[in-house]
Structure formats: C-alpha cells, structure tokens
Amino acid sequence: MRNKLITMLGLHLDTDLIKTAVMGEAGADVRLISSVQHKFPFSIECKNQEKYKGVYGALDQAATHSKMEPLLVIKMNNHKPIVVLDAEYFLEVYFGSSRFDKGDS
C-alpha cells in the first residue's frame, strides 16, 4: 500500500513522507507526514487474515453481476455500513486516473 501511494502521489520510493509501522506499533499502519496528509486524508489500517474469506467471496459475487468494478457494502448490527472495493481501483478513482470499465485495464 505504501509503494502504491508513493507512485500515485508522484514521490520517489526512498521518500520519508510515507512510512509503514513496525509490527505491533500503535497507530496507523501506513503513515503520511503532515505535509502530504492533505493529499490523502485517510487513516490506513492494513490486515491480512484468512477470516476475511467471506468478504472476498461476496466481492467475487459482485464481480459476476456485470463488467463494472465490483463494490461490496457490508453491515453489522449497531454499526454503519462500510464499502469494500479493490484497493488499487480505489486509489485510481481517488487520484483521478480511474479506468471506470474493467475492460479498459
């Protein structure tokens, strides 16, 4: 995620403007220093766990409905709905270089 953000922001890979947290360190997993936070104002938590298999299955199901980019909305009791979207596609949309049809990629 760090390297993709660096690319999308047009920075050099050796930049200190975007850092990743060390395992177990408190705070966001990908940290932007204040001078670039206005370009990407999000708190980034990264997870890699097999327990998300059902979420990926539902996203895969959404992909079968059309050629449009799949977007999954999930909700749990007493929580607001959240959106799940391919991370690279999200960054392309956010930074304005989107391929709005999967056939264009």
Protein backbone atom coordinates (compact mmCIF):
# COMPACT_ATOMS: atom_id res chain seq x y z
CA MET A 1 0.00 0.00 0.00
CA ARG A 2 2.85 2.38 0.82
CA ASN A 3 4.53 1.92 -2.56
CA LYS A 4 1.25 2.33 -4.45
CA LEU A 5 0.54 5.59 -2.57
CA ILE A 6 4.06 6.83 -3.32
CA THR A 7 3.51 6.09 -7.01
CA MET A 8 0.08 7.76 -7.09
CA LEU A 9 1.47 10.85 -5.32
CA GLY A 10 4.43 11.03 -7.72
CA LEU A 11 7.05 10.61 -4.99
CA HIS A 12 10.36 8.72 -5.04
CA LEU A 13 10.37 5.24 -3.43
CA ASP A 14 13.04 6.32 -0.94
CA THR A 15 10.85 9.13 0.43
CA ASP A 16 10.35 9.61 4.15
CA LEU A 17 6.98 11.29 3.59
CA ILE A 18 5.11 7.98 3.79
CA LYS A 19 6.18 5.33 6.28
CA THR A 20 4.94 1.93 7.39
CA ALA A 21 4.57 0.97 11.02
CA VAL A 22 6.59 -1.81 12.59
CA MET A 23 4.50 -4.85 13.63
CA GLY A 24 2.85 -4.18 16.97
CA GLU A 25 3.48 -0.44 16.83
CA ALA A 26 0.49 1.69 17.86
CA GLY A 27 -1.23 3.88 15.31
CA ALA A 28 -1.92 3.67 11.59
CA ASP A 29 -0.12 1.04 9.53
CA VAL A 30 0.74 3.49 6.74
CA ARG A 31 1.62 6.96 7.94
CA LEU A 32 1.74 10.14 5.91
CA ILE A 33 3.58 13.07 7.42
CA SER A 34 1.56 16.27 7.74
CA SER A 35 2.89 17.87 4.54
CA VAL A 36 1.21 15.17 2.40
CA GLN A 37 -1.79 14.24 4.58
CA HIS A 38 -3.99 16.78 2.77
CA LYS A 39 -3.43 14.83 -0.47
CA PHE A 40 -4.68 11.57 1.07
CA PRO A 41 -6.60 12.28 4.31
CA PHE A 42 -7.17 8.70 5.48
CA SER A 43 -6.08 6.63 8.46
CA ILE A 44 -4.81 3.36 6.95
CA GLU A 45 -5.07 0.04 8.78
CA CYS A 46 -3.81 -2.97 6.81
CA LYS A 47 -4.90 -6.52 7.59
CA ASN A 48 -4.00 -9.86 6.00
CA GLN A 49 -6.16 -12.55 7.57
CA GLU A 50 -7.91 -15.65 6.27
CA LYS A 51 -11.04 -14.86 8.29
CA TYR A 52 -11.96 -12.33 5.57
CA LYS A 53 -12.62 -15.16 3.10
CA GLY A 54 -16.37 -14.48 3.21
CA VAL A 55 -15.85 -10.82 2.36
CA TYR A 56 -13.75 -11.77 -0.65
CA GLY A 57 -16.38 -14.30 -1.68
CA ALA A 58 -19.08 -11.63 -1.61
CA LEU A 59 -16.86 -9.24 -3.60
CA ASP A 60 -16.23 -12.01 -6.13
CA GLN A 61 -20.00 -12.49 -6.37
CA ALA A 62 -20.45 -8.77 -7.06
CA ALA A 63 -17.90 -9.10 -9.88
CA THR A 64 -20.08 -11.69 -11.62
CA HIS A 65 -23.03 -9.30 -12.00
CA SER A 66 -21.53 -7.07 -14.71
CA LYS A 67 -18.33 -5.75 -16.23
CA MET A 68 -18.38 -2.78 -13.85
CA GLU A 69 -15.97 -2.62 -10.95
CA PRO A 70 -17.41 -4.65 -8.04
CA LEU A 71 -18.27 -2.77 -4.87
CA LEU A 72 -19.43 -4.56 -1.73
CA VAL A 73 -21.46 -2.91 1.03
CA ILE A 74 -21.40 -4.80 4.32
CA LYS A 75 -23.14 -4.05 7.60
CA MET A 76 -23.11 -5.41 11.10
CA ASN A 77 -25.72 -4.73 13.80
CA ASN A 78 -25.13 -1.44 15.62
CA HIS A 79 -22.53 -0.33 13.05
CA LYS A 80 -22.69 1.85 9.95
CA PRO A 81 -22.41 0.12 6.57
CA ILE A 82 -18.92 0.02 5.07
CA VAL A 83 -17.75 -0.30 1.49
CA VAL A 84 -15.22 -2.83 0.20
CA LEU A 85 -13.51 -2.01 -3.07
CA ASP A 86 -10.32 -3.16 -4.80
CA ALA A 87 -7.54 -1.04 -3.24
CA GLU A 88 -5.78 -0.21 -6.49
CA TYR A 89 -9.07 0.79 -8.12
CA PHE A 90 -9.91 2.99 -5.12
CA LEU A 91 -6.57 4.78 -5.44
CA GLU A 92 -7.09 5.28 -9.16
CA VAL A 93 -10.54 6.75 -8.57
CA TYR A 94 -9.33 8.92 -5.68
CA PHE A 95 -6.38 10.30 -7.61
CA GLY A 96 -8.36 10.75 -10.82
CA SER A 97 -6.75 8.15 -13.08
CA SER A 98 -9.59 5.65 -13.00
CA ARG A 99 -10.38 3.06 -15.59
CA PHE A 100 -14.14 3.10 -14.98
CA ASP A 101 -14.69 -0.02 -17.06
CA LYS A 102 -12.72 -3.16 -16.21
CA GLY A 103 -12.41 -3.82 -19.94
CA ASP A 104 -10.14 -0.75 -20.24
CA SER A 105 -7.41 -2.06 -17.95
